[in-house]
């Protein structure tokens, strides 16, 4: 994986996708993109802010856990 600087430089030129759970009037928007083999995640309201990086395996584990409701509040 990169030192982060390379990813941020590349992040401006990739196609970001907004979460399907984000509505047109929602302030809680997450965008993802694939940069090389890295899955990148950012806040759509702060496109120049921090970009989180995940390996494909870690991203898939997160998505699976979210689908199973493991992050739902009681």
PDB file of N, CA and C in Angstrom:
ATOM      1  N   UNK A   1       0.823  -1.186   0.000  1.00  0.00           N
ATOM      2  CA  UNK A   1       0.000   0.000   0.000  1.00  0.00           C
ATOM      3  C   UNK A   1       0.864   1.245   0.000  1.00  0.00           C
ATOM      4  N   UNK A   2       0.271   2.317  -0.429  1.00  0.00           N
ATOM      5  CA  UNK A   2       1.024   3.562  -0.533  1.00  0.00           C
ATOM      6  C   UNK A   2       1.165   4.232   0.825  1.00  0.00           C
ATOM      7  N   UNK A   3       1.942   5.309   0.853  1.00  0.00           N
ATOM      8  CA  UNK A   3       2.124   6.071   2.086  1.00  0.00           C
ATOM      9  C   UNK A   3       0.956   7.011   2.356  1.00  0.00           C
ATOM     10  N   UNK A   4      -0.084   6.982   1.541  1.00  0.00           N
ATOM     11  CA  UNK A   4      -1.234   7.859   1.725  1.00  0.00           C
ATOM     12  C   UNK A   4      -1.182   9.070   0.823  1.00  0.00           C
ATOM     13  N   UNK A   5       0.002   9.641   0.613  1.00  0.00           N
ATOM     14  CA  UNK A   5       0.116  10.822  -0.248  1.00  0.00           C
ATOM     15  C   UNK A   5      -0.222  10.465  -1.685  1.00  0.00           C
ATOM     16  N   UNK A   6       0.240   9.320  -2.122  1.00  0.00           N
ATOM     17  CA  UNK A   6      -0.047   8.892  -3.488  1.00  0.00           C
ATOM     18  C   UNK A   6      -1.545   8.672  -3.669  1.00  0.00           C
ATOM     19  N   UNK A   7      -2.193   8.062  -2.694  1.00  0.00           N
ATOM     20  CA  UNK A   7      -3.618   7.820  -2.780  1.00  0.00           C
ATOM     21  C   UNK A   7      -4.384   9.132  -2.873  1.00  0.00           C
ATOM     22  N   UNK A   8      -4.041  10.098  -2.033  1.00  0.00           N
ATOM     23  CA  UNK A   8      -4.728  11.393  -2.056  1.00  0.00           C
ATOM     24  C   UNK A   8      -4.557  12.061  -3.411  1.00  0.00           C
ATOM     25  N   UNK A   9      -3.378  11.985  -3.984  1.00  0.00           N
ATOM     26  CA  UNK A   9      -3.142  12.563  -5.299  1.00  0.00           C
ATOM     27  C   UNK A   9      -4.012  11.854  -6.334  1.00  0.00           C
ATOM     28  N   UNK A  10      -4.089  10.539  -6.262  1.00  0.00           N
ATOM     29  CA  UNK A  10      -4.896   9.765  -7.194  1.00  0.00           C
ATOM     30  C   UNK A  10      -6.390   9.937  -6.950  1.00  0.00           C
ATOM     31  N   UNK A  11      -6.777  10.242  -5.722  1.00  0.00           N
ATOM     32  CA  UNK A  11      -8.193  10.313  -5.366  1.00  0.00           C
ATOM     33  C   UNK A  11      -8.942  11.374  -6.165  1.00  0.00           C
ATOM     34  N   UNK A  12      -8.269  12.424  -6.570  1.00  0.00           N
ATOM     35  CA  UNK A  12      -8.926  13.493  -7.322  1.00  0.00           C
ATOM     36  C   UNK A  12      -9.311  13.050  -8.729  1.00  0.00           C
ATOM     37  N   UNK A  13      -8.652  12.037  -9.264  1.00  0.00           N
ATOM     38  CA  UNK A  13      -8.896  11.638 -10.642  1.00  0.00           C
ATOM     39  C   UNK A  13      -9.749  10.372 -10.770  1.00  0.00           C
ATOM     40  N   UNK A  14     -10.217   9.821  -9.675  1.00  0.00           N
ATOM     41  CA  UNK A  14     -11.013   8.599  -9.758  1.00  0.00           C
ATOM     42  C   UNK A  14     -12.495   8.922  -9.716  1.00  0.00           C
ATOM     43  N   UNK A  15     -13.297   7.947 -10.077  1.00  0.00           N
ATOM     44  CA  UNK A  15     -14.746   8.111 -10.046  1.00  0.00           C
ATOM     45  C   UNK A  15     -15.276   7.620  -8.700  1.00  0.00           C
ATOM     46  N   UNK A  16     -15.798   8.542  -7.924  1.00  0.00           N
ATOM     47  CA  UNK A  16     -16.362   8.236  -6.614  1.00  0.00           C
ATOM     48  C   UNK A  16     -17.830   7.871  -6.774  1.00  0.00           C
ATOM     49  N   UNK A  17     -18.284   6.906  -5.959  1.00  0.00           N
ATOM     50  CA  UNK A  17     -19.690   6.488  -5.963  1.00  0.00           C
ATOM     51  C   UNK A  17     -20.275   6.765  -4.583  1.00  0.00           C
ATOM     52  N   UNK A  18     -21.440   7.386  -4.564  1.00  0.00           N
ATOM     53  CA  UNK A  18     -22.117   7.673  -3.298  1.00  0.00           C
ATOM     54  C   UNK A  18     -22.886   6.428  -2.855  1.00  0.00           C
ATOM     55  N   UNK A  19     -22.942   6.233  -1.572  1.00  0.00           N
ATOM     56  CA  UNK A  19     -23.685   5.118  -1.004  1.00  0.00           C
ATOM     57  C   UNK A  19     -25.135   5.149  -1.474  1.00  0.00           C
ATOM     58  N   UNK A  20     -25.681   3.990  -1.779  1.00  0.00           N
ATOM     59  CA  UNK A  20     -27.088   3.909  -2.176  1.00  0.00           C
ATOM     60  C   UNK A  20     -28.012   4.233  -1.009  1.00  0.00           C
ATOM     61  N   UNK A  21     -27.498   4.212   0.201  1.00  0.00           N
ATOM     62  CA  UNK A  21     -28.282   4.563   1.390  1.00  0.00           C
ATOM     63  C   UNK A  21     -28.334   6.071   1.613  1.00  0.00           C
ATOM     64  N   UNK A  22     -27.570   6.822   0.867  1.00  0.00           N
ATOM     65  CA  UNK A  22     -27.564   8.282   0.994  1.00  0.00           C
ATOM     66  C   UNK A  22     -28.644   8.864   0.095  1.00  0.00           C
ATOM     67  N   UNK A  23     -29.574   9.562   0.694  1.00  0.00           N
ATOM     68  CA  UNK A  23     -30.630  10.191  -0.082  1.00  0.00           C
ATOM     69  C   UNK A  23     -30.173  11.539  -0.607  1.00  0.00           C
ATOM     70  N   UNK A  24     -30.966  12.146  -1.466  1.00  0.00           N
ATOM     71  CA  UNK A  24     -30.585  13.445  -2.047  1.00  0.00           C
ATOM     72  C   UNK A  24     -30.523  14.570  -1.015  1.00  0.00           C
ATOM     73  N   UNK A  25     -31.181  14.398   0.129  1.00  0.00           N
ATOM     74  CA  UNK A  25     -31.207  15.453   1.136  1.00  0.00           C
ATOM     75  C   UNK A  25     -30.493  15.040   2.415  1.00  0.00           C
ATOM     76  N   UNK A  26     -29.709  13.993   2.335  1.00  0.00           N
ATOM     77  CA  UNK A  26     -29.019  13.479   3.514  1.00  0.00           C
ATOM     78  C   UNK A  26     -27.668  14.147   3.698  1.00  0.00           C
ATOM     79  N   UNK A  27     -27.332  14.459   4.953  1.00  0.00           N
ATOM     80  CA  UNK A  27     -26.014  15.003   5.264  1.00  0.00           C
ATOM     81  C   UNK A  27     -25.022  13.909   5.640  1.00  0.00           C
ATOM     82  N   UNK A  28     -25.474  12.673   5.690  1.00  0.00           N
ATOM     83  CA  UNK A  28     -24.618  11.549   6.081  1.00  0.00           C
ATOM     84  C   UNK A  28     -24.235  10.748   4.844  1.00  0.00           C
ATOM     85  N   UNK A  29     -23.377  11.304   4.031  1.00  0.00           N
ATOM     86  CA  UNK A  29     -23.030  10.682   2.757  1.00  0.00           C
ATOM     87  C   UNK A  29     -21.618  10.115   2.785  1.00  0.00           C
ATOM     88  N   UNK A  30     -21.498   8.913   2.292  1.00  0.00           N
ATOM     89  CA  UNK A  30     -20.209   8.251   2.165  1.00  0.00           C
ATOM     90  C   UNK A  30     -20.011   7.942   0.693  1.00  0.00           C
ATOM     91  N   UNK A  31     -18.792   8.142   0.211  1.00  0.00           N
ATOM     92  CA  UNK A  31     -18.459   7.789  -1.170  1.00  0.00           C
ATOM     93  C   UNK A  31     -17.318   6.779  -1.146  1.00  0.00           C
ATOM     94  N   UNK A  32     -17.344   5.872  -2.102  1.00  0.00           N
ATOM     95  CA  UNK A  32     -16.254   4.904  -2.229  1.00  0.00           C
ATOM     96  C   UNK A  32     -15.710   4.936  -3.651  1.00  0.00           C
ATOM     97  N   UNK A  33     -14.474   4.509  -3.774  1.00  0.00           N
ATOM     98  CA  UNK A  33     -13.822   4.397  -5.081  1.00  0.00           C
ATOM     99  C   UNK A  33     -12.790   3.294  -4.997  1.00  0.00           C
ATOM    100  N   UNK A  34     -12.481   2.728  -6.124  1.00  0.00           N
ATOM    101  CA  UNK A  34     -11.399   1.753  -6.210  1.00  0.00           C
ATOM    102  C   UNK A  34     -10.203   2.457  -6.833  1.00  0.00           C
ATOM    103  N   UNK A  35      -9.101   2.440  -6.099  1.00  0.00           N
ATOM    104  CA  UNK A  35      -7.865   3.055  -6.577  1.00  0.00           C
ATOM    105  C   UNK A  35      -6.817   1.957  -6.567  1.00  0.00           C
ATOM    106  N   UNK A  36      -6.502   1.458  -7.752  1.00  0.00           N
ATOM    107  CA  UNK A  36      -5.628   0.286  -7.821  1.00  0.00           C
ATOM    108  C   UNK A  36      -6.345  -0.884  -7.179  1.00  0.00           C
ATOM    109  N   UNK A  37      -5.724  -1.499  -6.181  1.00  0.00           N
ATOM    110  CA  UNK A  37      -6.373  -2.589  -5.456  1.00  0.00           C
ATOM    111  C   UNK A  37      -6.956  -2.117  -4.132  1.00  0.00           C
ATOM    112  N   UNK A  38      -6.877  -0.830  -3.871  1.00  0.00           N
ATOM    113  CA  UNK A  38      -7.354  -0.269  -2.610  1.00  0.00           C
ATOM    114  C   UNK A  38      -8.784   0.228  -2.749  1.00  0.00           C
ATOM    115  N   UNK A  39      -9.603  -0.042  -1.747  1.00  0.00           N
ATOM    116  CA  UNK A  39     -10.936   0.538  -1.672  1.00  0.00           C
ATOM    117  C   UNK A  39     -10.799   1.791  -0.812  1.00  0.00           C
ATOM    118  N   UNK A  40     -11.182   2.927  -1.365  1.00  0.00           N
ATOM    119  CA  UNK A  40     -11.056   4.207  -0.672  1.00  0.00           C
ATOM    120  C   UNK A  40     -12.438   4.699  -0.270  1.00  0.00           C
ATOM    121  N   UNK A  41     -12.515   5.330   0.902  1.00  0.00           N
ATOM    122  CA  UNK A  41     -13.776   5.829   1.440  1.00  0.00           C
ATOM    123  C   UNK A  41     -13.559   7.266   1.895  1.00  0.00           C
ATOM    124  N   UNK A  42     -14.521   8.140   1.577  1.00  0.00           N
ATOM    125  CA  UNK A  42     -14.427   9.534   2.020  1.00  0.00           C
ATOM    126  C   UNK A  42     -15.817  10.078   2.318  1.00  0.00           C
ATOM    127  N   UNK A  43     -15.853  11.193   3.002  1.00  0.00           N
ATOM    128  CA  UNK A  43     -17.078  11.931   3.297  1.00  0.00           C
ATOM    129  C   UNK A  43     -17.393  12.785   2.075  1.00  0.00           C
ATOM    130  N   UNK A  44     -18.575  12.617   1.503  1.00  0.00           N
ATOM    131  CA  UNK A  44     -18.904  13.366   0.285  1.00  0.00           C
ATOM    132  C   UNK A  44     -19.010  14.870   0.537  1.00  0.00           C
ATOM    133  N   UNK A  45     -19.273  15.269   1.779  1.00  0.00           N
ATOM    134  CA  UNK A  45     -19.353  16.696   2.093  1.00  0.00           C
ATOM    135  C   UNK A  45     -17.981  17.319   2.294  1.00  0.00           C
ATOM    136  N   UNK A  46     -16.939  16.481   2.352  1.00  0.00           N
ATOM    137  CA  UNK A  46     -15.564  16.957   2.535  1.00  0.00           C
ATOM    138  C   UNK A  46     -14.649  16.223   1.555  1.00  0.00           C
ATOM    139  N   UNK A  47     -14.829  16.450   0.237  1.00  0.00           N
ATOM    140  CA  UNK A  47     -14.072  15.686  -0.759  1.00  0.00           C
ATOM    141  C   UNK A  47     -12.560  15.896  -0.702  1.00  0.00           C
ATOM    142  N   UNK A  48     -12.109  16.979  -0.086  1.00  0.00           N
ATOM    143  CA  UNK A  48     -10.667  17.199   0.055  1.00  0.00           C
ATOM    144  C   UNK A  48     -10.147  16.745   1.414  1.00  0.00           C
ATOM    145  N   UNK A  49     -11.034  16.156   2.208  1.00  0.00           N
ATOM    146  CA  UNK A  49     -10.665  15.688   3.541  1.00  0.00           C
ATOM    147  C   UNK A  49      -9.973  14.332   3.492  1.00  0.00           C
ATOM    148  N   UNK A  50      -9.890  13.683   4.634  1.00  0.00           N
ATOM    149  CA  UNK A  50      -9.184  12.408   4.718  1.00  0.00           C
ATOM    150  C   UNK A  50      -9.857  11.318   3.883  1.00  0.00           C
ATOM    151  N   UNK A  51      -9.037  10.411   3.390  1.00  0.00           N
ATOM    152  CA  UNK A  51      -9.495   9.256   2.630  1.00  0.00           C
ATOM    153  C   UNK A  51      -9.039   8.017   3.391  1.00  0.00           C
ATOM    154  N   UNK A  52      -9.998   7.173   3.760  1.00  0.00           N
ATOM    155  CA  UNK A  52      -9.670   5.921   4.422  1.00  0.00           C
ATOM    156  C   UNK A  52      -9.364   4.868   3.372  1.00  0.00           C
ATOM    157  N   UNK A  53      -8.419   3.991   3.657  1.00  0.00           N
ATOM    158  CA  UNK A  53      -8.004   2.962   2.709  1.00  0.00           C
ATOM    159  C   UNK A  53      -8.238   1.581   3.310  1.00  0.00           C
ATOM    160  N   UNK A  54      -8.764   0.674   2.493  1.00  0.00           N
ATOM    161  CA  UNK A  54      -9.006  -0.692   2.928  1.00  0.00           C
ATOM    162  C   UNK A  54      -8.541  -1.661   1.853  1.00  0.00           C
ATOM    163  N   UNK A  55      -8.029  -2.791   2.283  1.00  0.00           N
ATOM    164  CA  UNK A  55      -7.742  -3.859   1.330  1.00  0.00           C
ATOM    165  C   UNK A  55      -9.088  -4.442   0.886  1.00  0.00           C
ATOM    166  N   UNK A  56      -9.141  -5.069  -0.271  1.00  0.00           N
ATOM    167  CA  UNK A  56     -10.412  -5.660  -0.716  1.00  0.00           C
ATOM    168  C   UNK A  56     -10.987  -6.651   0.290  1.00  0.00           C
ATOM    169  N   UNK A  57     -10.141  -7.441   0.933  1.00  0.00           N
ATOM    170  CA  UNK A  57     -10.628  -8.408   1.923  1.00  0.00           C
ATOM    171  C   UNK A  57     -11.259  -7.727   3.126  1.00  0.00           C
ATOM    172  N   UNK A  58     -10.608  -6.681   3.616  1.00  0.00           N
ATOM    173  CA  UNK A  58     -11.143  -5.954   4.777  1.00  0.00           C
ATOM    174  C   UNK A  58     -12.441  -5.243   4.420  1.00  0.00           C
ATOM    175  N   UNK A  59     -12.511  -4.672   3.225  1.00  0.00           N
ATOM    176  CA  UNK A  59     -13.737  -3.989   2.791  1.00  0.00           C
ATOM    177  C   UNK A  59     -14.884  -4.986   2.687  1.00  0.00           C
ATOM    178  N   UNK A  60     -14.633  -6.134   2.086  1.00  0.00           N
ATOM    179  CA  UNK A  60     -15.670  -7.149   1.941  1.00  0.00           C
ATOM    180  C   UNK A  60     -16.153  -7.632   3.303  1.00  0.00           C
ATOM    181  N   UNK A  61     -15.245  -7.784   4.262  1.00  0.00           N
ATOM    182  CA  UNK A  61     -15.631  -8.190   5.626  1.00  0.00           C
ATOM    183  C   UNK A  61     -16.527  -7.120   6.257  1.00  0.00           C
ATOM    184  N   UNK A  62     -16.178  -5.853   6.077  1.00  0.00           N
ATOM    185  CA  UNK A  62     -17.003  -4.764   6.613  1.00  0.00           C
ATOM    186  C   UNK A  62     -18.396  -4.786   6.001  1.00  0.00           C
ATOM    187  N   UNK A  63     -18.483  -4.895   4.688  1.00  0.00           N
ATOM    188  CA  UNK A  63     -19.779  -4.897   4.000  1.00  0.00           C
ATOM    189  C   UNK A  63     -20.615  -6.084   4.481  1.00  0.00           C
ATOM    190  N   UNK A  64     -20.008  -7.234   4.594  1.00  0.00           N
ATOM    191  CA  UNK A  64     -20.720  -8.426   5.069  1.00  0.00           C
ATOM    192  C   UNK A  64     -21.263  -8.214   6.483  1.00  0.00           C
ATOM    193  N   UNK A  65     -20.434  -7.684   7.380  1.00  0.00           N
ATOM    194  CA  UNK A  65     -20.881  -7.421   8.753  1.00  0.00           C
ATOM    195  C   UNK A  65     -22.002  -6.391   8.788  1.00  0.00           C
ATOM    196  N   UNK A  66     -21.928  -5.369   7.935  1.00  0.00           N
ATOM    197  CA  UNK A  66     -22.990  -4.364   7.877  1.00  0.00           C
ATOM    198  C   UNK A  66     -24.298  -4.996   7.401  1.00  0.00           C
ATOM    199  N   UNK A  67     -24.214  -5.842   6.402  1.00  0.00           N
ATOM    200  CA  UNK A  67     -25.417  -6.520   5.901  1.00  0.00           C
ATOM    201  C   UNK A  67     -26.042  -7.409   6.966  1.00  0.00           C
ATOM    202  N   UNK A  68     -25.215  -7.998   7.797  1.00  0.00           N
ATOM    203  CA  UNK A  68     -25.719  -8.874   8.863  1.00  0.00           C
ATOM    204  C   UNK A  68     -26.227  -8.093  10.075  1.00  0.00           C
ATOM    205  N   UNK A  69     -26.088  -6.758  10.044  1.00  0.00           N
ATOM    206  CA  UNK A  69     -26.587  -5.932  11.134  1.00  0.00           C
ATOM    207  C   UNK A  69     -25.674  -5.858  12.340  1.00  0.00           C
ATOM    208  N   UNK A  70     -24.424  -6.224  12.183  1.00  0.00           N
ATOM    209  CA  UNK A  70     -23.499  -6.247  13.317  1.00  0.00           C
ATOM    210  C   UNK A  70     -23.146  -4.863  13.848  1.00  0.00           C
ATOM    211  N   UNK A  71     -23.455  -3.809  13.101  1.00  0.00           N
ATOM    212  CA  UNK A  71     -23.161  -2.449  13.556  1.00  0.00           C
ATOM    213  C   UNK A  71     -24.430  -1.698  13.972  1.00  0.00           C
ATOM    214  N   UNK A  72     -25.577  -2.367  13.903  1.00  0.00           N
ATOM    215  CA  UNK A  72     -26.833  -1.727  14.270  1.00  0.00           C
ATOM    216  C   UNK A  72     -26.856  -1.414  15.763  1.00  0.00           C
ATOM    217  N   UNK A  73     -27.410  -0.268  16.088  1.00  0.00           N
ATOM    218  CA  UNK A  73     -27.564   0.094  17.491  1.00  0.00           C
ATOM    219  C   UNK A  73     -28.735  -0.674  18.090  1.00  0.00           C
ATOM    220  N   UNK A  74     -28.650  -0.986  19.386  1.00  0.00           N
ATOM    221  CA  UNK A  74     -29.771  -1.736  20.015  1.00  0.00           C
ATOM    222  C   UNK A  74     -31.045  -0.911  20.045  1.00  0.00           C
TER     223      UNK A  74
END
